[in-house]
């Protein structure tokens, strides 16, 4: 069992027993570790204690951050993040495939892909010469994960390169508590014009902040299209890099996540705990 699986089991345990207010000993037992080793593992993984991490995921705390996130989002847009010429020195550039490239579905293109461990479980990551084109978490076996990649780029030539993917993981999942200067990541995606607008809007939601489907719809000028926005969020081909996990329901509930709601909570808590430590990374996302 890797570190993420232990953390996920603890979150599931708390879902069932939160009214009992389990102590450190009970949580450590659920993780299969001594209290000392569990506390150290959790604090290393999350950057905060188990108690503080779980506080980040309480309903009232998330609702407060959601309101605050609206203000941060608005401020970012007002500062010029809606235009490619007025961006901060950030971390992700997003390039869209042309209509011809979408029609060819990867013909003549080589995609390097591989499997690697991340803080949130094993992932399949793929990259073309123009950027990362796929990131999915492997929950249903490697063969099925690879089949999904093939379905997205059926005419591309796939080249297995786990060593390169391991290097990408270090860049994509760099711990925000330890790294302040990160290399710019390039993303290359296939999507409709509407999906691309939604994904670019997502890239403007700072780490440690949250938004809603309705707010995203307003941001792209389609206030009545929250349901369609939800569909575009769900179609995101590059998990974590395009941060669909930062979108929650208007009520403050974290809601569904294609890669497991428990993983969404773990990622959100991981980012919120970094914010709690005063390491907001709102200047690290570029939507070009």
C-alpha atoms as a PDB file:
ATOM      1  CA  UNK A   1       0.000   0.000   0.000  1.00  0.00           C
ATOM      2  CA  UNK A   2       1.443   3.384  -1.010  1.00  0.00           C
ATOM      3  CA  UNK A   3       1.169   6.633   0.912  1.00  0.00           C
ATOM      4  CA  UNK A   4      -1.829   7.896  -1.037  1.00  0.00           C
ATOM      5  CA  UNK A   5      -3.794   4.688  -0.475  1.00  0.00           C
ATOM      6  CA  UNK A   6      -3.177   4.987   3.262  1.00  0.00           C
ATOM      7  CA  UNK A   7      -4.385   8.592   3.238  1.00  0.00           C
ATOM      8  CA  UNK A   8      -7.438   7.675   1.140  1.00  0.00           C
ATOM      9  CA  UNK A   9      -8.339   4.881   3.567  1.00  0.00           C
ATOM     10  CA  UNK A  10      -8.159   7.333   6.458  1.00  0.00           C
ATOM     11  CA  UNK A  11     -10.453   9.783   4.642  1.00  0.00           C
ATOM     12  CA  UNK A  12     -12.951   6.971   3.962  1.00  0.00           C
ATOM     13  CA  UNK A  13     -12.744   5.929   7.617  1.00  0.00           C
ATOM     14  CA  UNK A  14     -13.495   9.476   8.721  1.00  0.00           C
ATOM     15  CA  UNK A  15     -16.488   9.619   6.384  1.00  0.00           C
ATOM     16  CA  UNK A  16     -17.958   6.695   8.293  1.00  0.00           C
ATOM     17  CA  UNK A  17     -16.882   7.678  11.789  1.00  0.00           C
ATOM     18  CA  UNK A  18     -16.473  11.463  11.870  1.00  0.00           C
ATOM     19  CA  UNK A  19     -19.231  11.820  14.472  1.00  0.00           C
ATOM     20  CA  UNK A  20     -17.143   9.646  16.814  1.00  0.00           C
ATOM     21  CA  UNK A  21     -14.221  12.090  16.586  1.00  0.00           C
ATOM     22  CA  UNK A  22     -11.587   9.343  16.222  1.00  0.00           C
ATOM     23  CA  UNK A  23      -8.221  10.192  17.762  1.00  0.00           C
ATOM     24  CA  UNK A  24      -4.719   9.809  16.358  1.00  0.00           C
ATOM     25  CA  UNK A  25      -4.419   6.218  17.592  1.00  0.00           C
ATOM     26  CA  UNK A  26      -7.577   5.141  15.750  1.00  0.00           C
ATOM     27  CA  UNK A  27      -6.515   6.876  12.546  1.00  0.00           C
ATOM     28  CA  UNK A  28      -3.072   5.318  12.727  1.00  0.00           C
ATOM     29  CA  UNK A  29      -4.609   1.885  13.215  1.00  0.00           C
ATOM     30  CA  UNK A  30      -6.750   2.395  10.107  1.00  0.00           C
ATOM     31  CA  UNK A  31      -3.598   3.267   8.163  1.00  0.00           C
ATOM     32  CA  UNK A  32      -1.801   0.202   9.539  1.00  0.00           C
ATOM     33  CA  UNK A  33       0.894   2.265  11.238  1.00  0.00           C
ATOM     34  CA  UNK A  34       1.952   3.250  14.730  1.00  0.00           C
ATOM     35  CA  UNK A  35       0.690   6.685  15.869  1.00  0.00           C
ATOM     36  CA  UNK A  36       4.225   8.096  15.589  1.00  0.00           C
ATOM     37  CA  UNK A  37       4.808   6.824  12.042  1.00  0.00           C
ATOM     38  CA  UNK A  38       1.312   7.750  10.895  1.00  0.00           C
ATOM     39  CA  UNK A  39       1.648  11.309  12.170  1.00  0.00           C
ATOM     40  CA  UNK A  40       5.027  11.668  10.463  1.00  0.00           C
ATOM     41  CA  UNK A  41       3.785  10.138   7.198  1.00  0.00           C
ATOM     42  CA  UNK A  42       0.675  12.285   7.093  1.00  0.00           C
ATOM     43  CA  UNK A  43       2.503  15.486   7.966  1.00  0.00           C
ATOM     44  CA  UNK A  44       5.103  14.803   5.291  1.00  0.00           C
ATOM     45  CA  UNK A  45       2.467  14.054   2.664  1.00  0.00           C
ATOM     46  CA  UNK A  46       0.052  16.884   3.485  1.00  0.00           C
ATOM     47  CA  UNK A  47       2.437  19.403   5.028  1.00  0.00           C
ATOM     48  CA  UNK A  48       0.171  19.741   8.062  1.00  0.00           C
ATOM     49  CA  UNK A  49      -1.064  17.501  10.858  1.00  0.00           C
ATOM     50  CA  UNK A  50      -3.996  15.124  10.257  1.00  0.00           C
ATOM     51  CA  UNK A  51      -6.208  17.352  12.407  1.00  0.00           C
ATOM     52  CA  UNK A  52      -5.350  20.495  10.437  1.00  0.00           C
ATOM     53  CA  UNK A  53      -5.742  18.701   7.103  1.00  0.00           C
ATOM     54  CA  UNK A  54      -9.197  17.450   7.989  1.00  0.00           C
ATOM     55  CA  UNK A  55     -10.159  20.929   9.167  1.00  0.00           C
ATOM     56  CA  UNK A  56      -9.399  22.142   5.630  1.00  0.00           C
ATOM     57  CA  UNK A  57     -12.054  19.754   4.317  1.00  0.00           C
ATOM     58  CA  UNK A  58     -14.868  20.625   6.710  1.00  0.00           C
ATOM     59  CA  UNK A  59     -18.026  21.904   5.078  1.00  0.00           C
ATOM     60  CA  UNK A  60     -17.951  25.343   6.690  1.00  0.00           C
ATOM     61  CA  UNK A  61     -14.282  25.865   5.895  1.00  0.00           C
ATOM     62  CA  UNK A  62     -14.818  24.950   2.247  1.00  0.00           C
ATOM     63  CA  UNK A  63     -17.786  27.329   2.004  1.00  0.00           C
ATOM     64  CA  UNK A  64     -15.663  30.190   3.353  1.00  0.00           C
ATOM     65  CA  UNK A  65     -12.895  29.402   0.884  1.00  0.00           C
ATOM     66  CA  UNK A  66     -15.407  29.237  -1.939  1.00  0.00           C
ATOM     67  CA  UNK A  67     -16.547  32.781  -1.208  1.00  0.00           C
ATOM     68  CA  UNK A  68     -12.962  33.924  -0.884  1.00  0.00           C
ATOM     69  CA  UNK A  69     -12.101  32.061  -4.078  1.00  0.00           C
ATOM     70  CA  UNK A  70     -14.653  34.130  -5.970  1.00  0.00           C
ATOM     71  CA  UNK A  71     -12.849  37.261  -4.872  1.00  0.00           C
ATOM     72  CA  UNK A  72      -9.448  35.848  -5.835  1.00  0.00           C
ATOM     73  CA  UNK A  73     -10.785  34.723  -9.202  1.00  0.00           C
ATOM     74  CA  UNK A  74     -12.307  38.129  -9.919  1.00  0.00           C
ATOM     75  CA  UNK A  75      -9.108  39.890  -8.906  1.00  0.00           C
ATOM     76  CA  UNK A  76      -7.063  37.680 -11.213  1.00  0.00           C
ATOM     77  CA  UNK A  77      -9.331  38.434 -14.159  1.00  0.00           C
ATOM     78  CA  UNK A  78      -9.369  42.145 -13.355  1.00  0.00           C
ATOM     79  CA  UNK A  79      -5.567  42.078 -13.335  1.00  0.00           C
ATOM     80  CA  UNK A  80      -5.576  40.938 -16.944  1.00  0.00           C
ATOM     81  CA  UNK A  81      -5.425  37.156 -16.783  1.00  0.00           C
ATOM     82  CA  UNK A  82      -8.108  36.961 -19.463  1.00  0.00           C
ATOM     83  CA  UNK A  83      -5.615  38.043 -22.118  1.00  0.00           C
ATOM     84  CA  UNK A  84      -2.413  36.290 -23.235  1.00  0.00           C
ATOM     85  CA  UNK A  85      -0.408  39.533 -23.086  1.00  0.00           C
ATOM     86  CA  UNK A  86      -1.151  40.277 -19.428  1.00  0.00           C
ATOM     87  CA  UNK A  87      -0.202  37.085 -17.615  1.00  0.00           C
ATOM     88  CA  UNK A  88       1.960  36.349 -14.637  1.00  0.00           C
ATOM     89  CA  UNK A  89       5.065  34.163 -14.936  1.00  0.00           C
ATOM     90  CA  UNK A  90       3.141  30.981 -14.402  1.00  0.00           C
ATOM     91  CA  UNK A  91       3.317  27.277 -14.794  1.00  0.00           C
ATOM     92  CA  UNK A  92       1.007  25.878 -17.518  1.00  0.00           C
ATOM     93  CA  UNK A  93       0.598  26.964 -21.159  1.00  0.00           C
ATOM     94  CA  UNK A  94      -2.340  25.466 -23.021  1.00  0.00           C
ATOM     95  CA  UNK A  95      -2.216  24.926 -26.787  1.00  0.00           C
ATOM     96  CA  UNK A  96      -5.169  23.590 -28.735  1.00  0.00           C
ATOM     97  CA  UNK A  97      -5.021  21.190 -31.655  1.00  0.00           C
ATOM     98  CA  UNK A  98      -6.098  22.744 -34.952  1.00  0.00           C
ATOM     99  CA  UNK A  99      -9.256  21.518 -36.728  1.00  0.00           C
ATOM    100  CA  UNK A 100      -7.033  19.567 -39.130  1.00  0.00           C
ATOM    101  CA  UNK A 101      -5.120  17.962 -36.261  1.00  0.00           C
ATOM    102  CA  UNK A 102      -8.383  17.042 -34.562  1.00  0.00           C
ATOM    103  CA  UNK A 103      -9.621  15.428 -37.759  1.00  0.00           C
ATOM    104  CA  UNK A 104      -6.375  13.481 -38.180  1.00  0.00           C
ATOM    105  CA  UNK A 105      -6.599  12.296 -34.539  1.00  0.00           C
ATOM    106  CA  UNK A 106      -2.844  12.192 -34.075  1.00  0.00           C
ATOM    107  CA  UNK A 107      -1.770  10.916 -37.478  1.00  0.00           C
ATOM    108  CA  UNK A 108       1.971  11.452 -37.924  1.00  0.00           C
ATOM    109  CA  UNK A 109       2.380  12.291 -34.250  1.00  0.00           C
ATOM    110  CA  UNK A 110       4.468  10.392 -31.685  1.00  0.00           C
ATOM    111  CA  UNK A 111       3.187  10.297 -28.129  1.00  0.00           C
ATOM    112  CA  UNK A 112       5.543   9.304 -25.339  1.00  0.00           C
ATOM    113  CA  UNK A 113       3.599   7.785 -22.469  1.00  0.00           C
ATOM    114  CA  UNK A 114       4.197   5.854 -19.308  1.00  0.00           C
ATOM    115  CA  UNK A 115       3.072   4.973 -15.813  1.00  0.00           C
ATOM    116  CA  UNK A 116       4.415   6.497 -12.611  1.00  0.00           C
ATOM    117  CA  UNK A 117       3.551   6.989  -8.955  1.00  0.00           C
ATOM    118  CA  UNK A 118       2.205  10.382  -7.874  1.00  0.00           C
ATOM    119  CA  UNK A 119       1.125  11.748  -4.475  1.00  0.00           C
ATOM    120  CA  UNK A 120      -2.401  10.651  -5.448  1.00  0.00           C
ATOM    121  CA  UNK A 121      -1.745   7.166  -6.772  1.00  0.00           C
ATOM    122  CA  UNK A 122      -0.445   5.733 -10.017  1.00  0.00           C
ATOM    123  CA  UNK A 123      -1.032   7.795 -13.161  1.00  0.00           C
ATOM    124  CA  UNK A 124      -0.692   7.405 -16.900  1.00  0.00           C
ATOM    125  CA  UNK A 125       0.856  10.512 -18.441  1.00  0.00           C
ATOM    126  CA  UNK A 126       1.401  11.169 -22.141  1.00  0.00           C
ATOM    127  CA  UNK A 127       3.249  13.931 -23.950  1.00  0.00           C
ATOM    128  CA  UNK A 128       3.751  15.056 -27.535  1.00  0.00           C
ATOM    129  CA  UNK A 129       6.480  17.399 -28.752  1.00  0.00           C
ATOM    130  CA  UNK A 130       3.992  20.213 -28.167  1.00  0.00           C
ATOM    131  CA  UNK A 131       3.111  19.354 -24.600  1.00  0.00           C
ATOM    132  CA  UNK A 132       1.347  17.032 -22.176  1.00  0.00           C
ATOM    133  CA  UNK A 133      -1.746  15.634 -23.875  1.00  0.00           C
ATOM    134  CA  UNK A 134      -3.089  13.211 -21.281  1.00  0.00           C
ATOM    135  CA  UNK A 135      -3.031  12.531 -17.547  1.00  0.00           C
ATOM    136  CA  UNK A 136      -5.282   9.980 -15.906  1.00  0.00           C
ATOM    137  CA  UNK A 137      -5.170   8.123 -12.617  1.00  0.00           C
ATOM    138  CA  UNK A 138      -4.912   4.357 -12.958  1.00  0.00           C
ATOM    139  CA  UNK A 139      -7.740   2.878 -10.915  1.00  0.00           C
ATOM    140  CA  UNK A 140      -9.002   0.198 -13.294  1.00  0.00           C
ATOM    141  CA  UNK A 141      -5.801  -1.323 -14.596  1.00  0.00           C
ATOM    142  CA  UNK A 142      -3.087  -0.143 -16.948  1.00  0.00           C
ATOM    143  CA  UNK A 143      -4.603  -1.740 -20.041  1.00  0.00           C
ATOM    144  CA  UNK A 144      -7.855   0.158 -19.643  1.00  0.00           C
ATOM    145  CA  UNK A 145      -5.989   3.396 -18.949  1.00  0.00           C
ATOM    146  CA  UNK A 146      -3.934   2.947 -22.109  1.00  0.00           C
ATOM    147  CA  UNK A 147      -7.087   2.191 -24.116  1.00  0.00           C
ATOM    148  CA  UNK A 148      -8.537   5.553 -23.072  1.00  0.00           C
ATOM    149  CA  UNK A 149      -5.388   7.309 -24.292  1.00  0.00           C
ATOM    150  CA  UNK A 150      -5.647   5.470 -27.615  1.00  0.00           C
ATOM    151  CA  UNK A 151      -9.286   6.494 -27.962  1.00  0.00           C
ATOM    152  CA  UNK A 152      -8.270  10.147 -27.634  1.00  0.00           C
ATOM    153  CA  UNK A 153      -5.431   9.937 -30.173  1.00  0.00           C
ATOM    154  CA  UNK A 154      -6.264   6.798 -32.228  1.00  0.00           C
ATOM    155  CA  UNK A 155      -3.905   7.515 -35.126  1.00  0.00           C
ATOM    156  CA  UNK A 156      -0.835   8.511 -33.119  1.00  0.00           C
ATOM    157  CA  UNK A 157       2.250   6.346 -32.633  1.00  0.00           C
ATOM    158  CA  UNK A 158       2.647   5.446 -28.961  1.00  0.00           C
ATOM    159  CA  UNK A 159       6.086   5.089 -27.419  1.00  0.00           C
ATOM    160  CA  UNK A 160       6.387   3.713 -23.877  1.00  0.00           C
ATOM    161  CA  UNK A 161       8.835   5.811 -21.833  1.00  0.00           C
ATOM    162  CA  UNK A 162       8.358   5.422 -18.077  1.00  0.00           C
ATOM    163  CA  UNK A 163      11.639   7.188 -17.272  1.00  0.00           C
ATOM    164  CA  UNK A 164      10.519  10.373 -19.023  1.00  0.00           C
ATOM    165  CA  UNK A 165       7.116  10.218 -17.358  1.00  0.00           C
ATOM    166  CA  UNK A 166       8.785   9.928 -13.951  1.00  0.00           C
ATOM    167  CA  UNK A 167      10.571  13.203 -14.723  1.00  0.00           C
ATOM    168  CA  UNK A 168       7.260  14.812 -15.666  1.00  0.00           C
ATOM    169  CA  UNK A 169       5.734  13.706 -12.372  1.00  0.00           C
ATOM    170  CA  UNK A 170       8.435  15.605 -10.488  1.00  0.00           C
ATOM    171  CA  UNK A 171       7.441  18.772 -12.346  1.00  0.00           C
ATOM    172  CA  UNK A 172       3.662  18.330 -12.329  1.00  0.00           C
ATOM    173  CA  UNK A 173       3.324  17.297  -8.687  1.00  0.00           C
ATOM    174  CA  UNK A 174       6.104  19.416  -7.217  1.00  0.00           C
ATOM    175  CA  UNK A 175       5.279  19.966  -3.566  1.00  0.00           C
ATOM    176  CA  UNK A 176       4.046  23.561  -3.220  1.00  0.00           C
ATOM    177  CA  UNK A 177       5.542  23.757   0.256  1.00  0.00           C
ATOM    178  CA  UNK A 178       9.046  23.065  -1.014  1.00  0.00           C
ATOM    179  CA  UNK A 179       9.235  24.498  -4.526  1.00  0.00           C
ATOM    180  CA  UNK A 180       8.721  28.134  -5.446  1.00  0.00           C
ATOM    181  CA  UNK A 181      10.329  28.279  -8.893  1.00  0.00           C
ATOM    182  CA  UNK A 182       8.882  25.626 -11.159  1.00  0.00           C
ATOM    183  CA  UNK A 183       9.468  24.912 -14.822  1.00  0.00           C
ATOM    184  CA  UNK A 184       6.704  25.944 -17.198  1.00  0.00           C
ATOM    185  CA  UNK A 185       4.573  23.008 -18.319  1.00  0.00           C
ATOM    186  CA  UNK A 186       3.088  22.856 -21.798  1.00  0.00           C
ATOM    187  CA  UNK A 187      -0.266  21.199 -22.439  1.00  0.00           C
ATOM    188  CA  UNK A 188      -1.607  20.170 -25.855  1.00  0.00           C
ATOM    189  CA  UNK A 189      -5.286  19.234 -26.059  1.00  0.00           C
ATOM    190  CA  UNK A 190      -8.082  18.280 -28.429  1.00  0.00           C
ATOM    191  CA  UNK A 191     -11.325  20.020 -27.614  1.00  0.00           C
ATOM    192  CA  UNK A 192     -14.257  22.017 -28.909  1.00  0.00           C
ATOM    193  CA  UNK A 193     -14.070  25.813 -28.715  1.00  0.00           C
ATOM    194  CA  UNK A 194     -16.474  25.697 -25.760  1.00  0.00           C
ATOM    195  CA  UNK A 195     -14.404  23.092 -23.905  1.00  0.00           C
ATOM    196  CA  UNK A 196     -11.246  25.114 -24.484  1.00  0.00           C
ATOM    197  CA  UNK A 197     -12.868  28.220 -23.000  1.00  0.00           C
ATOM    198  CA  UNK A 198     -13.815  26.249 -19.905  1.00  0.00           C
ATOM    199  CA  UNK A 199     -10.372  24.652 -19.547  1.00  0.00           C
ATOM    200  CA  UNK A 200      -8.635  28.008 -19.889  1.00  0.00           C
ATOM    201  CA  UNK A 201     -10.945  29.437 -17.247  1.00  0.00           C
ATOM    202  CA  UNK A 202     -10.063  26.522 -14.979  1.00  0.00           C
ATOM    203  CA  UNK A 203      -6.384  27.328 -15.340  1.00  0.00           C
ATOM    204  CA  UNK A 204      -7.104  30.745 -13.850  1.00  0.00           C
ATOM    205  CA  UNK A 205      -8.459  29.307 -10.599  1.00  0.00           C
ATOM    206  CA  UNK A 206      -5.505  29.595  -8.193  1.00  0.00           C
ATOM    207  CA  UNK A 207      -4.308  26.613  -6.194  1.00  0.00           C
ATOM    208  CA  UNK A 208      -5.867  26.792  -2.752  1.00  0.00           C
ATOM    209  CA  UNK A 209      -9.003  28.466  -4.137  1.00  0.00           C
ATOM    210  CA  UNK A 210     -12.309  27.003  -5.262  1.00  0.00           C
ATOM    211  CA  UNK A 211     -15.003  27.961  -7.746  1.00  0.00           C
ATOM    212  CA  UNK A 212     -18.358  26.610  -8.932  1.00  0.00           C
ATOM    213  CA  UNK A 213     -19.830  25.512 -12.243  1.00  0.00           C
ATOM    214  CA  UNK A 214     -22.041  28.585 -12.226  1.00  0.00           C
ATOM    215  CA  UNK A 215     -19.110  30.902 -11.614  1.00  0.00           C
ATOM    216  CA  UNK A 216     -17.152  29.304 -14.453  1.00  0.00           C
ATOM    217  CA  UNK A 217     -20.153  29.742 -16.726  1.00  0.00           C
ATOM    218  CA  UNK A 218     -20.313  33.430 -15.847  1.00  0.00           C
ATOM    219  CA  UNK A 219     -16.591  33.816 -16.417  1.00  0.00           C
ATOM    220  CA  UNK A 220     -16.792  32.570 -20.011  1.00  0.00           C
ATOM    221  CA  UNK A 221     -19.864  34.686 -20.709  1.00  0.00           C
ATOM    222  CA  UNK A 222     -22.356  31.795 -20.644  1.00  0.00           C
ATOM    223  CA  UNK A 223     -24.145  32.328 -17.344  1.00  0.00           C
ATOM    224  CA  UNK A 224     -27.003  29.963 -18.246  1.00  0.00           C
ATOM    225  CA  UNK A 225     -24.713  27.137 -19.328  1.00  0.00           C
ATOM    226  CA  UNK A 226     -23.609  25.722 -15.974  1.00  0.00           C
ATOM    227  CA  UNK A 227     -24.653  22.199 -16.989  1.00  0.00           C
ATOM    228  CA  UNK A 228     -22.669  22.390 -20.226  1.00  0.00           C
ATOM    229  CA  UNK A 229     -19.721  23.743 -18.266  1.00  0.00           C
ATOM    230  CA  UNK A 230     -19.984  20.690 -16.016  1.00  0.00           C
ATOM    231  CA  UNK A 231     -19.745  18.483 -19.094  1.00  0.00           C
ATOM    232  CA  UNK A 232     -16.630  20.299 -20.274  1.00  0.00           C
ATOM    233  CA  UNK A 233     -15.060  20.009 -16.829  1.00  0.00           C
ATOM    234  CA  UNK A 234     -15.743  16.276 -16.861  1.00  0.00           C
ATOM    235  CA  UNK A 235     -14.154  15.940 -20.306  1.00  0.00           C
ATOM    236  CA  UNK A 236     -10.842  17.378 -19.115  1.00  0.00           C
ATOM    237  CA  UNK A 237      -8.125  15.108 -20.627  1.00  0.00           C
ATOM    238  CA  UNK A 238      -5.303  16.232 -18.323  1.00  0.00           C
ATOM    239  CA  UNK A 239      -6.258  15.588 -14.701  1.00  0.00           C
ATOM    240  CA  UNK A 240      -4.643  17.789 -12.045  1.00  0.00           C
ATOM    241  CA  UNK A 241      -2.780  19.935 -14.609  1.00  0.00           C
ATOM    242  CA  UNK A 242      -6.080  21.426 -15.765  1.00  0.00           C
ATOM    243  CA  UNK A 243      -7.510  21.698 -12.231  1.00  0.00           C
ATOM    244  CA  UNK A 244     -11.073  20.426 -12.548  1.00  0.00           C
ATOM    245  CA  UNK A 245     -10.766  19.322  -8.904  1.00  0.00           C
ATOM    246  CA  UNK A 246     -11.121  22.992  -7.876  1.00  0.00           C
ATOM    247  CA  UNK A 247     -14.737  23.112  -9.068  1.00  0.00           C
ATOM    248  CA  UNK A 248     -17.370  22.337  -6.438  1.00  0.00           C
ATOM    249  CA  UNK A 249     -21.110  22.717  -6.014  1.00  0.00           C
ATOM    250  CA  UNK A 250     -22.761  26.025  -5.175  1.00  0.00           C
ATOM    251  CA  UNK A 251     -23.676  24.612  -1.754  1.00  0.00           C
ATOM    252  CA  UNK A 252     -20.030  24.121  -0.821  1.00  0.00           C
ATOM    253  CA  UNK A 253     -20.157  20.327  -1.209  1.00  0.00           C
ATOM    254  CA  UNK A 254     -17.084  19.014  -3.010  1.00  0.00           C
ATOM    255  CA  UNK A 255     -19.238  16.832  -5.236  1.00  0.00           C
ATOM    256  CA  UNK A 256     -18.366  14.267  -7.889  1.00  0.00           C
ATOM    257  CA  UNK A 257     -14.969  13.696  -9.480  1.00  0.00           C
ATOM    258  CA  UNK A 258     -14.227  11.433 -12.436  1.00  0.00           C
ATOM    259  CA  UNK A 259     -11.128  10.078 -10.679  1.00  0.00           C
ATOM    260  CA  UNK A 260     -12.927   9.245  -7.390  1.00  0.00           C
ATOM    261  CA  UNK A 261     -14.395  11.794  -4.938  1.00  0.00           C
ATOM    262  CA  UNK A 262     -11.929  10.610  -2.271  1.00  0.00           C
ATOM    263  CA  UNK A 263      -9.024  11.559  -4.532  1.00  0.00           C
ATOM    264  CA  UNK A 264     -10.635  14.947  -5.154  1.00  0.00           C
ATOM    265  CA  UNK A 265     -10.805  15.577  -1.426  1.00  0.00           C
ATOM    266  CA  UNK A 266      -7.211  14.508  -0.997  1.00  0.00           C
ATOM    267  CA  UNK A 267      -6.039  16.867  -3.767  1.00  0.00           C
ATOM    268  CA  UNK A 268      -8.138  19.776  -2.513  1.00  0.00           C
ATOM    269  CA  UNK A 269      -6.919  19.231   1.044  1.00  0.00           C
ATOM    270  CA  UNK A 270      -3.316  19.005  -0.182  1.00  0.00           C
ATOM    271  CA  UNK A 271      -3.631  22.359  -1.948  1.00  0.00           C
ATOM    272  CA  UNK A 272      -5.607  24.032   0.829  1.00  0.00           C
ATOM    273  CA  UNK A 273      -3.057  22.956   3.406  1.00  0.00           C
ATOM    274  CA  UNK A 274      -0.373  24.674   1.323  1.00  0.00           C
ATOM    275  CA  UNK A 275      -2.487  27.811   1.326  1.00  0.00           C
ATOM    276  CA  UNK A 276      -2.934  27.491   5.066  1.00  0.00           C
ATOM    277  CA  UNK A 277       0.847  27.589   5.331  1.00  0.00           C
ATOM    278  CA  UNK A 278       0.886  30.884   3.483  1.00  0.00           C
ATOM    279  CA  UNK A 279       2.152  29.494   0.178  1.00  0.00           C
ATOM    280  CA  UNK A 280      -0.593  30.570  -2.191  1.00  0.00           C
ATOM    281  CA  UNK A 281       0.408  29.770  -5.765  1.00  0.00           C
ATOM    282  CA  UNK A 282      -2.094  31.993  -7.512  1.00  0.00           C
ATOM    283  CA  UNK A 283       0.632  33.285  -9.827  1.00  0.00           C
ATOM    284  CA  UNK A 284       1.525  29.902 -11.213  1.00  0.00           C
ATOM    285  CA  UNK A 285      -0.996  29.191 -13.911  1.00  0.00           C
ATOM    286  CA  UNK A 286      -0.903  30.443 -17.483  1.00  0.00           C
ATOM    287  CA  UNK A 287      -3.706  30.018 -19.971  1.00  0.00           C
ATOM    288  CA  UNK A 288      -2.222  31.069 -23.278  1.00  0.00           C
END
